[in-house]
Amino acid sequence: MKRQVLVLGGGPDAEREVSLVSSKFVSQALERSGDFDVCYQVVERPDLAQLRGLPGDVVFPVLHGGWGEGGALQDLLDLDGRPYVGCPASAARIAMDKVATKLIAAQLGIPTQPATVFNAGDPVSCFPMPVVLKPVQEGSSVGVHICRSAEDFKEAARKVQEDIKKHPNRVYMIERAVLGGSELTVGVLDGKPLPPIEIKPTVAFYDYEAKYHRNDTKYTVDPTLPAGVGARISEFAARLFAGIGARHLARVDFLLDREGGVWLLEVNTMPGFTDHSLFPMAANRQGLPMEKLCAKLVELALRDAKRP
């Protein structure tokens, strides 16, 4: 008798739209694998009783954002008791908090640009330009402002102040910007790095539209990079994965500057699974198309549920 996988999509976060697409792709991939029965459910913010009322032997939560990816859902899944795909709540909270991730990365010897929490009452940056003003606990480039001048920062700070009024729990950070280079990402599957991917959008900034809607962003799997860069970011990704206590999967993003230096950007513990998404793209290069990748992740969840 096949095990039943409960695939969750949706959630209450700003990345709900992406989650709905990702979760549908995961559900369809698991059905194609033929290894499992699949129950697909769109959720908002279920409580424990609602979660326990949903069928399935193992849970694959494909939610992106602060609630679904940042520890709250993982707390419920731990209480629910069924095996689930993804990292435990403690790692989810660290990864969702970009400042906490930077602090741990620094302890692990992984280079990252200086950053500080944004003081909404101060329209002046504590770092010289250029800087990035962005939410501490959002993904998919939600709420990101690139500031090249003091005037840019003043205008971005005004917009952020307005956004905080609408979202009182949203905290922003200021980070020294790395401009003019390229963005690189490394997926980590069960602790082992996948081939790196270089991202080259046709627009100035790899924003939400470029990530999920535009078809002109160029992705190069296992690109030609300056000597040693590929090995370095792969080692950094695996080190950070272990350092935060991640499990099963993650995607670690880096910036490559004009001098060939690499800088940690962030880590995502439930990366996207859309037709534009990078984690499945890298896994496919290693012989794991979507159906095999998703089935492997379910098997990892079942494996780890047996461990003490």
C-alpha atoms as a PDB file:
ATOM      1  CA  MET A   1       0.000   0.000   0.000  1.00  0.00           C
ATOM      2  CA  LYS A   2       1.362   3.410  -1.024  1.00  0.00           C
ATOM      3  CA  ARG A   3       2.024   6.071   1.575  1.00  0.00           C
ATOM      4  CA  GLN A   4      -0.063   9.207   1.214  1.00  0.00           C
ATOM      5  CA  VAL A   5       1.698  12.577   0.983  1.00  0.00           C
ATOM      6  CA  LEU A   6      -0.137  15.688   2.152  1.00  0.00           C
ATOM      7  CA  VAL A   7       1.122  18.602   0.037  1.00  0.00           C
ATOM      8  CA  LEU A   8       0.343  22.008   1.554  1.00  0.00           C
ATOM      9  CA  GLY A   9       0.259  25.264  -0.404  1.00  0.00           C
ATOM     10  CA  GLY A  10      -0.927  28.815   0.170  1.00  0.00           C
ATOM     11  CA  GLY A  11      -0.440  30.271   3.628  1.00  0.00           C
ATOM     12  CA  PRO A  12      -0.930  33.817   4.933  1.00  0.00           C
ATOM     13  CA  ASP A  13       2.368  35.341   3.750  1.00  0.00           C
ATOM     14  CA  ALA A  14       3.279  37.806   1.014  1.00  0.00           C
ATOM     15  CA  GLU A  15       4.637  34.912  -1.072  1.00  0.00           C
ATOM     16  CA  ARG A  16       1.304  33.067  -1.125  1.00  0.00           C
ATOM     17  CA  GLU A  17       0.998  33.331  -4.915  1.00  0.00           C
ATOM     18  CA  VAL A  18       4.398  31.681  -5.385  1.00  0.00           C
ATOM     19  CA  SER A  19       3.503  28.995  -2.849  1.00  0.00           C
ATOM     20  CA  LEU A  20       0.340  28.123  -4.740  1.00  0.00           C
ATOM     21  CA  VAL A  21       2.310  27.575  -7.939  1.00  0.00           C
ATOM     22  CA  SER A  22       5.195  25.728  -6.223  1.00  0.00           C
ATOM     23  CA  SER A  23       2.912  23.412  -4.276  1.00  0.00           C
ATOM     24  CA  LYS A  24       0.930  22.516  -7.390  1.00  0.00           C
ATOM     25  CA  PHE A  25       4.148  21.602  -9.207  1.00  0.00           C
ATOM     26  CA  VAL A  26       5.228  19.443  -6.250  1.00  0.00           C
ATOM     27  CA  SER A  27       1.851  17.717  -6.096  1.00  0.00           C
ATOM     28  CA  GLN A  28       1.911  16.959  -9.814  1.00  0.00           C
ATOM     29  CA  ALA A  29       5.515  15.732  -9.647  1.00  0.00           C
ATOM     30  CA  LEU A  30       4.722  13.325  -6.808  1.00  0.00           C
ATOM     31  CA  GLU A  31       1.746  12.005  -8.753  1.00  0.00           C
ATOM     32  CA  ARG A  32       3.962  11.451 -11.806  1.00  0.00           C
ATOM     33  CA  SER A  33       6.505   9.564  -9.688  1.00  0.00           C
ATOM     34  CA  GLY A  34       3.923   6.856  -9.024  1.00  0.00           C
ATOM     35  CA  ASP A  35       5.463   6.189  -5.613  1.00  0.00           C
ATOM     36  CA  PHE A  36       2.824   7.872  -3.453  1.00  0.00           C
ATOM     37  CA  ASP A  37      -0.821   8.784  -3.192  1.00  0.00           C
ATOM     38  CA  VAL A  38      -1.109  12.565  -3.058  1.00  0.00           C
ATOM     39  CA  CYS A  39      -3.531  14.819  -1.204  1.00  0.00           C
ATOM     40  CA  TYR A  40      -3.163  18.486  -2.203  1.00  0.00           C
ATOM     41  CA  GLN A  41      -4.540  21.100   0.197  1.00  0.00           C
ATOM     42  CA  VAL A  42      -4.544  24.897   0.019  1.00  0.00           C
ATOM     43  CA  VAL A  43      -4.390  26.352   3.529  1.00  0.00           C
ATOM     44  CA  GLU A  44      -4.449  29.769   5.160  1.00  0.00           C
ATOM     45  CA  ARG A  45      -3.133  29.582   8.741  1.00  0.00           C
ATOM     46  CA  PRO A  46      -4.356  26.220  10.077  1.00  0.00           C
ATOM     47  CA  ASP A  47      -4.337  25.456  13.791  1.00  0.00           C
ATOM     48  CA  LEU A  48      -3.241  22.095  15.159  1.00  0.00           C
ATOM     49  CA  ALA A  49      -6.726  20.575  15.067  1.00  0.00           C
ATOM     50  CA  GLN A  50      -7.189  21.612  11.433  1.00  0.00           C
ATOM     51  CA  LEU A  51      -3.775  20.252  10.479  1.00  0.00           C
ATOM     52  CA  ARG A  52      -4.458  16.936  12.194  1.00  0.00           C
ATOM     53  CA  GLY A  53      -7.760  16.728  10.341  1.00  0.00           C
ATOM     54  CA  LEU A  54      -6.001  16.640   6.967  1.00  0.00           C
ATOM     55  CA  PRO A  55      -5.159  13.174   5.585  1.00  0.00           C
ATOM     56  CA  GLY A  56      -1.652  11.940   4.856  1.00  0.00           C
ATOM     57  CA  ASP A  57       1.190   9.843   6.245  1.00  0.00           C
ATOM     58  CA  VAL A  58       3.866  12.458   5.555  1.00  0.00           C
ATOM     59  CA  VAL A  59       3.582  16.215   4.992  1.00  0.00           C
ATOM     60  CA  PHE A  60       5.288  18.236   2.248  1.00  0.00           C
ATOM     61  CA  PRO A  61       4.706  21.892   3.251  1.00  0.00           C
ATOM     62  CA  VAL A  62       5.453  24.084   0.226  1.00  0.00           C
ATOM     63  CA  LEU A  63       4.827  27.430   1.918  1.00  0.00           C
ATOM     64  CA  HIS A  64       7.093  30.435   1.457  1.00  0.00           C
ATOM     65  CA  GLY A  65       7.395  33.372   3.842  1.00  0.00           C
ATOM     66  CA  GLY A  66       7.511  34.216   7.511  1.00  0.00           C
ATOM     67  CA  TRP A  67       4.717  31.994   8.841  1.00  0.00           C
ATOM     68  CA  GLY A  68       5.004  29.046   6.485  1.00  0.00           C
ATOM     69  CA  GLU A  69       8.787  28.933   6.260  1.00  0.00           C
ATOM     70  CA  GLY A  70       9.896  30.745   9.398  1.00  0.00           C
ATOM     71  CA  GLY A  71       9.124  28.354  12.258  1.00  0.00           C
ATOM     72  CA  ALA A  72       5.441  28.777  13.135  1.00  0.00           C
ATOM     73  CA  LEU A  73       4.213  26.085  10.746  1.00  0.00           C
ATOM     74  CA  GLN A  74       7.125  23.858  11.718  1.00  0.00           C
ATOM     75  CA  ASP A  75       6.070  24.136  15.385  1.00  0.00           C
ATOM     76  CA  LEU A  76       2.627  22.837  14.377  1.00  0.00           C
ATOM     77  CA  LEU A  77       4.121  20.060  12.286  1.00  0.00           C
ATOM     78  CA  ASP A  78       6.250  18.928  15.232  1.00  0.00           C
ATOM     79  CA  LEU A  79       3.142  18.809  17.422  1.00  0.00           C
ATOM     80  CA  ASP A  80       1.223  17.016  14.678  1.00  0.00           C
ATOM     81  CA  GLY A  81       3.830  14.262  14.837  1.00  0.00           C
ATOM     82  CA  ARG A  82       3.893  13.154  11.209  1.00  0.00           C
ATOM     83  CA  PRO A  83       7.145  13.150   9.198  1.00  0.00           C
ATOM     84  CA  TYR A  84       7.515  16.336   7.170  1.00  0.00           C
ATOM     85  CA  VAL A  85       9.811  17.666   4.482  1.00  0.00           C
ATOM     86  CA  GLY A  86      12.064  20.550   5.433  1.00  0.00           C
ATOM     87  CA  CYS A  87      14.068  21.866   8.325  1.00  0.00           C
ATOM     88  CA  PRO A  88      13.014  21.937  11.978  1.00  0.00           C
ATOM     89  CA  ALA A  89      11.540  25.060  13.562  1.00  0.00           C
ATOM     90  CA  SER A  90      14.816  26.289  15.070  1.00  0.00           C
ATOM     91  CA  ALA A  91      16.618  26.323  11.712  1.00  0.00           C
ATOM     92  CA  ALA A  92      13.559  27.804   9.987  1.00  0.00           C
ATOM     93  CA  ARG A  93      13.585  30.775  12.352  1.00  0.00           C
ATOM     94  CA  ILE A  94      17.286  31.456  11.822  1.00  0.00           C
ATOM     95  CA  ALA A  95      17.075  31.202   8.043  1.00  0.00           C
ATOM     96  CA  MET A  96      14.016  33.456   7.813  1.00  0.00           C
ATOM     97  CA  ASP A  97      15.797  36.119   9.873  1.00  0.00           C
ATOM     98  CA  LYS A  98      18.411  37.636   7.544  1.00  0.00           C
ATOM     99  CA  VAL A  99      20.243  39.328  10.420  1.00  0.00           C
ATOM    100  CA  ALA A 100      20.472  36.098  12.432  1.00  0.00           C
ATOM    101  CA  THR A 101      21.686  34.274   9.315  1.00  0.00           C
ATOM    102  CA  LYS A 102      24.420  36.871   8.830  1.00  0.00           C
ATOM    103  CA  LEU A 103      25.561  36.564  12.437  1.00  0.00           C
ATOM    104  CA  ILE A 104      25.878  32.789  12.180  1.00  0.00           C
ATOM    105  CA  ALA A 105      27.573  33.057   8.787  1.00  0.00           C
ATOM    106  CA  ALA A 106      30.150  35.425  10.281  1.00  0.00           C
ATOM    107  CA  GLN A 107      30.818  32.930  13.080  1.00  0.00           C
ATOM    108  CA  LEU A 108      31.327  30.223  10.447  1.00  0.00           C
ATOM    109  CA  GLY A 109      33.778  32.340   8.465  1.00  0.00           C
ATOM    110  CA  ILE A 110      31.402  32.933   5.546  1.00  0.00           C
ATOM    111  CA  PRO A 111      31.806  36.463   4.129  1.00  0.00           C
ATOM    112  CA  THR A 112      28.737  38.675   4.322  1.00  0.00           C
ATOM    113  CA  GLN A 113      28.258  42.418   3.998  1.00  0.00           C
ATOM    114  CA  PRO A 114      27.636  44.454   7.181  1.00  0.00           C
ATOM    115  CA  ALA A 115      24.008  45.103   8.067  1.00  0.00           C
ATOM    116  CA  THR A 116      21.879  46.601  10.808  1.00  0.00           C
ATOM    117  CA  VAL A 117      18.210  46.824  11.714  1.00  0.00           C
ATOM    118  CA  PHE A 118      16.578  49.912  10.176  1.00  0.00           C
ATOM    119  CA  ASN A 119      15.424  52.667  12.515  1.00  0.00           C
ATOM    120  CA  ALA A 120      12.158  53.809  10.941  1.00  0.00           C
ATOM    121  CA  GLY A 121      12.509  57.210  12.593  1.00  0.00           C
ATOM    122  CA  ASP A 122      15.847  58.003  10.936  1.00  0.00           C
ATOM    123  CA  PRO A 123      15.870  58.868   7.204  1.00  0.00           C
ATOM    124  CA  VAL A 124      19.702  58.747   7.086  1.00  0.00           C
ATOM    125  CA  SER A 125      21.641  55.546   6.466  1.00  0.00           C
ATOM    126  CA  CYS A 126      24.335  54.536   8.936  1.00  0.00           C
ATOM    127  CA  PHE A 127      26.322  53.021   6.031  1.00  0.00           C
ATOM    128  CA  PRO A 128      27.709  54.880   3.009  1.00  0.00           C
ATOM    129  CA  MET A 129      25.913  54.413  -0.287  1.00  0.00           C
ATOM    130  CA  PRO A 130      25.066  52.173  -2.026  1.00  0.00           C
ATOM    131  CA  VAL A 131      22.889  50.208   0.381  1.00  0.00           C
ATOM    132  CA  VAL A 132      19.887  47.899   0.255  1.00  0.00           C
ATOM    133  CA  LEU A 133      16.865  48.527   2.463  1.00  0.00           C
ATOM    134  CA  LYS A 134      14.779  45.358   2.786  1.00  0.00           C
ATOM    135  CA  PRO A 135      12.594  43.347   5.173  1.00  0.00           C
ATOM    136  CA  VAL A 136      14.400  41.082   7.620  1.00  0.00           C
ATOM    137  CA  GLN A 137      11.863  38.275   7.259  1.00  0.00           C
ATOM    138  CA  GLU A 138      10.504  38.254   3.728  1.00  0.00           C
ATOM    139  CA  GLY A 139      11.662  36.474   0.587  1.00  0.00           C
ATOM    140  CA  SER A 140      11.207  36.733  -3.191  1.00  0.00           C
ATOM    141  CA  SER A 141      12.556  40.321  -3.115  1.00  0.00           C
ATOM    142  CA  VAL A 142       9.386  41.573  -1.394  1.00  0.00           C
ATOM    143  CA  GLY A 143       9.895  45.156  -0.193  1.00  0.00           C
ATOM    144  CA  VAL A 144      13.491  45.539  -1.444  1.00  0.00           C
ATOM    145  CA  HIS A 145      14.865  49.029  -2.179  1.00  0.00           C
ATOM    146  CA  ILE A 146      18.296  49.604  -3.738  1.00  0.00           C
ATOM    147  CA  CYS A 147      19.644  53.022  -2.760  1.00  0.00           C
ATOM    148  CA  ARG A 148      22.523  54.568  -4.669  1.00  0.00           C
ATOM    149  CA  SER A 149      22.321  58.021  -3.104  1.00  0.00           C
ATOM    150  CA  ALA A 150      21.199  59.730   0.084  1.00  0.00           C
ATOM    151  CA  GLU A 151      18.110  60.944  -1.770  1.00  0.00           C
ATOM    152  CA  ASP A 152      17.317  57.383  -2.841  1.00  0.00           C
ATOM    153  CA  PHE A 153      17.569  56.289   0.758  1.00  0.00           C
ATOM    154  CA  LYS A 154      15.374  59.103   2.012  1.00  0.00           C
ATOM    155  CA  GLU A 155      12.653  58.169  -0.491  1.00  0.00           C
ATOM    156  CA  ALA A 156      12.999  54.446   0.296  1.00  0.00           C
ATOM    157  CA  ALA A 157      12.770  55.189   4.022  1.00  0.00           C
ATOM    158  CA  ARG A 158       9.532  57.107   3.398  1.00  0.00           C
ATOM    159  CA  LYS A 159       8.052  54.125   1.523  1.00  0.00           C
ATOM    160  CA  VAL A 160       9.202  51.734   4.219  1.00  0.00           C
ATOM    161  CA  GLN A 161       7.579  53.880   6.913  1.00  0.00           C
ATOM    162  CA  GLU A 162       4.303  53.681   4.967  1.00  0.00           C
ATOM    163  CA  ASP A 163       4.666  49.918   4.578  1.00  0.00           C
ATOM    164  CA  ILE A 164       5.313  49.457   8.306  1.00  0.00           C
ATOM    165  CA  LYS A 165       2.020  51.230   9.032  1.00  0.00           C
ATOM    166  CA  LYS A 166       0.261  48.593   6.905  1.00  0.00           C
ATOM    167  CA  HIS A 167       2.386  45.719   8.270  1.00  0.00           C
ATOM    168  CA  PRO A 168       3.311  46.658  11.874  1.00  0.00           C
ATOM    169  CA  ASN A 169       5.228  43.418  12.464  1.00  0.00           C
ATOM    170  CA  ARG A 170       7.478  43.861   9.429  1.00  0.00           C
ATOM    171  CA  VAL A 171      11.044  44.784  10.397  1.00  0.00           C
ATOM    172  CA  TYR A 172      13.505  46.223   7.881  1.00  0.00           C
ATOM    173  CA  MET A 173      17.285  46.123   7.674  1.00  0.00           C
ATOM    174  CA  ILE A 174      20.016  48.153   5.956  1.00  0.00           C
ATOM    175  CA  GLU A 175      22.765  46.215   4.194  1.00  0.00           C
ATOM    176  CA  ARG A 176      25.817  47.380   2.276  1.00  0.00           C
ATOM    177  CA  ALA A 177      25.055  46.752  -1.395  1.00  0.00           C
ATOM    178  CA  VAL A 178      27.179  44.770  -3.838  1.00  0.00           C
ATOM    179  CA  LEU A 179      26.455  46.190  -7.293  1.00  0.00           C
ATOM    180  CA  GLY A 180      27.839  45.472 -10.720  1.00  0.00           C
ATOM    181  CA  GLY A 181      28.593  41.804 -10.231  1.00  0.00           C
ATOM    182  CA  SER A 182      26.295  38.825 -10.560  1.00  0.00           C
ATOM    183  CA  GLU A 183      24.085  36.659  -8.369  1.00  0.00           C
ATOM    184  CA  LEU A 184      24.888  33.016  -7.707  1.00  0.00           C
ATOM    185  CA  THR A 185      22.877  30.367  -5.930  1.00  0.00           C
ATOM    186  CA  VAL A 186      23.715  26.913  -4.585  1.00  0.00           C
ATOM    187  CA  GLY A 187      21.075  24.353  -3.692  1.00  0.00           C
ATOM    188  CA  VAL A 188      21.849  21.927  -0.884  1.00  0.00           C
ATOM    189  CA  LEU A 189      20.173  18.517  -0.925  1.00  0.00           C
ATOM    190  CA  ASP A 190      20.574  16.386   2.207  1.00  0.00           C
ATOM    191  CA  GLY A 191      23.703  18.337   3.152  1.00  0.00           C
ATOM    192  CA  LYS A 192      25.385  18.072  -0.257  1.00  0.00           C
ATOM    193  CA  PRO A 193      25.669  21.047  -2.624  1.00  0.00           C
ATOM    194  CA  LEU A 194      24.083  20.917  -6.058  1.00  0.00           C
ATOM    195  CA  PRO A 195      25.722  22.608  -9.074  1.00  0.00           C
ATOM    196  CA  PRO A 196      25.785  26.408  -8.700  1.00  0.00           C
ATOM    197  CA  ILE A 197      23.619  28.591 -10.913  1.00  0.00           C
ATOM    198  CA  GLU A 198      24.436  32.065 -12.191  1.00  0.00           C
ATOM    199  CA  ILE A 199      21.500  34.466 -12.550  1.00  0.00           C
ATOM    200  CA  LYS A 200      21.559  37.278 -15.110  1.00  0.00           C
ATOM    201  CA  PRO A 201      18.327  39.288 -15.328  1.00  0.00           C
ATOM    202  CA  THR A 202      17.811  41.702 -18.204  1.00  0.00           C
ATOM    203  CA  VAL A 203      16.574  44.297 -15.703  1.00  0.00           C
ATOM    204  CA  ALA A 204      18.791  46.111 -13.209  1.00  0.00           C
ATOM    205  CA  PHE A 205      17.546  44.123 -10.227  1.00  0.00           C
ATOM    206  CA  TYR A 206      16.524  40.472  -9.876  1.00  0.00           C
ATOM    207  CA  ASP A 207      13.113  41.351  -8.434  1.00  0.00           C
ATOM    208  CA  TYR A 208       9.832  39.476  -7.993  1.00  0.00           C
ATOM    209  CA  GLU A 209       8.851  39.931 -11.645  1.00  0.00           C
ATOM    210  CA  ALA A 210      12.217  38.669 -12.892  1.00  0.00           C
ATOM    211  CA  LYS A 211      12.047  35.661 -10.570  1.00  0.00           C
ATOM    212  CA  TYR A 212       8.537  34.462 -11.343  1.00  0.00           C
ATOM    213  CA  HIS A 213       6.977  36.155 -14.358  1.00  0.00           C
ATOM    214  CA  ARG A 214       9.605  37.304 -16.868  1.00  0.00           C
ATOM    215  CA  ASN A 215      11.016  34.826 -19.368  1.00  0.00           C
ATOM    216  CA  ASP A 216      14.144  36.783 -20.287  1.00  0.00           C
ATOM    217  CA  THR A 217      16.202  36.144 -17.155  1.00  0.00           C
ATOM    218  CA  LYS A 218      19.211  33.982 -18.063  1.00  0.00           C
ATOM    219  CA  TYR A 219      20.131  31.057 -15.806  1.00  0.00           C
ATOM    220  CA  THR A 220      23.384  29.173 -16.298  1.00  0.00           C
ATOM    221  CA  VAL A 221      23.805  25.917 -14.411  1.00  0.00           C
ATOM    222  CA  ASP A 222      27.415  25.210 -13.410  1.00  0.00           C
ATOM    223  CA  PRO A 223      28.711  28.398 -15.087  1.00  0.00           C
ATOM    224  CA  THR A 224      32.291  29.349 -15.855  1.00  0.00           C
ATOM    225  CA  LEU A 225      33.384  31.391 -12.844  1.00  0.00           C
ATOM    226  CA  PRO A 226      36.635  32.963 -11.630  1.00  0.00           C
ATOM    227  CA  ALA A 227      39.103  30.373 -10.349  1.00  0.00           C
ATOM    228  CA  GLY A 228      37.977  28.817  -7.075  1.00  0.00           C
ATOM    229  CA  VAL A 229      34.640  30.634  -6.820  1.00  0.00           C
ATOM    230  CA  GLY A 230      32.457  27.620  -7.615  1.00  0.00           C
ATOM    231  CA  ALA A 231      34.174  25.427  -5.040  1.00  0.00           C
ATOM    232  CA  ARG A 232      34.119  28.222  -2.466  1.00  0.00           C
ATOM    233  CA  ILE A 233      30.402  28.955  -2.654  1.00  0.00           C
ATOM    234  CA  SER A 234      29.561  25.247  -2.663  1.00  0.00           C
ATOM    235  CA  GLU A 235      31.595  24.749   0.500  1.00  0.00           C
ATOM    236  CA  PHE A 236      30.071  27.858   2.103  1.00  0.00           C
ATOM    237  CA  ALA A 237      26.547  26.653   1.258  1.00  0.00           C
ATOM    238  CA  ALA A 238      27.123  23.239   2.809  1.00  0.00           C
ATOM    239  CA  ARG A 239      28.769  24.819   5.869  1.00  0.00           C
ATOM    240  CA  LEU A 240      25.859  27.209   6.437  1.00  0.00           C
ATOM    241  CA  PHE A 241      23.303  24.427   5.904  1.00  0.00           C
ATOM    242  CA  ALA A 242      24.938  22.437   8.710  1.00  0.00           C
ATOM    243  CA  GLY A 243      25.598  25.514  10.846  1.00  0.00           C
ATOM    244  CA  ILE A 244      21.956  26.575  11.101  1.00  0.00           C
ATOM    245  CA  GLY A 245      20.742  22.990  11.544  1.00  0.00           C
ATOM    246  CA  ALA A 246      18.905  22.777   8.220  1.00  0.00           C
ATOM    247  CA  ARG A 247      17.467  19.498   6.980  1.00  0.00           C
ATOM    248  CA  HIS A 248      16.629  17.930   3.619  1.00  0.00           C
ATOM    249  CA  LEU A 249      16.905  21.009   1.392  1.00  0.00           C
ATOM    250  CA  ALA A 250      17.877  24.657   1.188  1.00  0.00           C
ATOM    251  CA  ARG A 251      19.047  27.196  -1.353  1.00  0.00           C
ATOM    252  CA  VAL A 252      21.871  29.575  -0.437  1.00  0.00           C
ATOM    253  CA  ASP A 253      22.232  32.814  -2.415  1.00  0.00           C
ATOM    254  CA  PHE A 254      25.471  34.740  -2.968  1.00  0.00           C
ATOM    255  CA  LEU A 255      26.614  37.907  -4.716  1.00  0.00           C
ATOM    256  CA  LEU A 256      29.794  37.916  -6.798  1.00  0.00           C
ATOM    257  CA  ASP A 257      31.467  41.324  -6.913  1.00  0.00           C
ATOM    258  CA  ARG A 258      33.570  42.750  -9.746  1.00  0.00           C
ATOM    259  CA  GLU A 259      36.800  41.659  -8.048  1.00  0.00           C
ATOM    260  CA  GLY A 260      35.701  38.035  -7.778  1.00  0.00           C
ATOM    261  CA  GLY A 261      34.778  38.200  -4.093  1.00  0.00           C
ATOM    262  CA  VAL A 262      31.700  36.302  -2.922  1.00  0.00           C
ATOM    263  CA  TRP A 263      29.235  37.519  -0.308  1.00  0.00           C
ATOM    264  CA  LEU A 264      26.417  35.614   1.345  1.00  0.00           C
ATOM    265  CA  LEU A 265      23.003  37.073   0.594  1.00  0.00           C
ATOM    266  CA  GLU A 266      20.513  34.735   2.313  1.00  0.00           C
ATOM    267  CA  VAL A 267      19.366  31.146   2.758  1.00  0.00           C
ATOM    268  CA  ASN A 268      15.948  29.744   1.848  1.00  0.00           C
ATOM    269  CA  THR A 269      14.834  26.568   3.600  1.00  0.00           C
ATOM    270  CA  MET A 270      11.867  25.943   1.282  1.00  0.00           C
ATOM    271  CA  PRO A 271      13.031  27.218  -2.100  1.00  0.00           C
ATOM    272  CA  GLY A 272      10.629  27.647  -4.977  1.00  0.00           C
ATOM    273  CA  PHE A 273       9.380  24.726  -7.059  1.00  0.00           C
ATOM    274  CA  THR A 274       7.885  26.679  -9.965  1.00  0.00           C
ATOM    275  CA  ASP A 275       8.939  26.277 -13.610  1.00  0.00           C
ATOM    276  CA  HIS A 276      11.321  29.234 -13.047  1.00  0.00           C
ATOM    277  CA  SER A 277      12.803  27.868  -9.821  1.00  0.00           C
ATOM    278  CA  LEU A 278      16.489  27.244  -9.334  1.00  0.00           C
ATOM    279  CA  PHE A 279      16.631  24.374  -6.841  1.00  0.00           C
ATOM    280  CA  PRO A 280      14.822  21.924  -9.181  1.00  0.00           C
ATOM    281  CA  MET A 281      16.910  23.251 -12.082  1.00  0.00           C
ATOM    282  CA  ALA A 282      20.158  22.353 -10.305  1.00  0.00           C
ATOM    283  CA  ALA A 283      18.821  18.972  -9.145  1.00  0.00           C
ATOM    284  CA  ASN A 284      17.808  18.146 -12.706  1.00  0.00           C
ATOM    285  CA  ARG A 285      21.434  18.671 -13.792  1.00  0.00           C
ATOM    286  CA  GLN A 286      22.379  15.915 -11.355  1.00  0.00           C
ATOM    287  CA  GLY A 287      19.848  13.484 -12.782  1.00  0.00           C
ATOM    288  CA  LEU A 288      16.944  14.319 -10.493  1.00  0.00           C
ATOM    289  CA  PRO A 289      13.986  15.623 -12.520  1.00  0.00           C
ATOM    290  CA  MET A 290      11.107  17.070 -10.513  1.00  0.00           C
ATOM    291  CA  GLU A 291       9.316  13.776  -9.879  1.00  0.00           C
ATOM    292  CA  LYS A 292      12.496  12.073  -8.622  1.00  0.00           C
ATOM    293  CA  LEU A 293      13.533  15.121  -6.591  1.00  0.00           C
ATOM    294  CA  CYS A 294      10.178  15.423  -4.828  1.00  0.00           C
ATOM    295  CA  ALA A 295      10.020  11.684  -4.170  1.00  0.00           C
ATOM    296  CA  LYS A 296      13.541  11.789  -2.719  1.00  0.00           C
ATOM    297  CA  LEU A 297      12.558  14.620  -0.358  1.00  0.00           C
ATOM    298  CA  VAL A 298       9.599  12.587   0.911  1.00  0.00           C
ATOM    299  CA  GLU A 299      11.896   9.607   1.462  1.00  0.00           C
ATOM    300  CA  LEU A 300      14.302  11.846   3.414  1.00  0.00           C
ATOM    301  CA  ALA A 301      11.423  12.948   5.662  1.00  0.00           C
ATOM    302  CA  LEU A 302      10.460   9.329   6.277  1.00  0.00           C
ATOM    303  CA  ARG A 303      14.085   8.406   6.951  1.00  0.00           C
ATOM    304  CA  ASP A 304      14.605  11.143   9.510  1.00  0.00           C
ATOM    305  CA  ALA A 305      11.324  10.408  11.287  1.00  0.00           C
ATOM    306  CA  LYS A 306      12.820   7.035  12.291  1.00  0.00           C
ATOM    307  CA  ARG A 307      15.849   8.630  13.922  1.00  0.00           C
ATOM    308  CA  PRO A 308      15.881   9.240  17.696  1.00  0.00           C
END
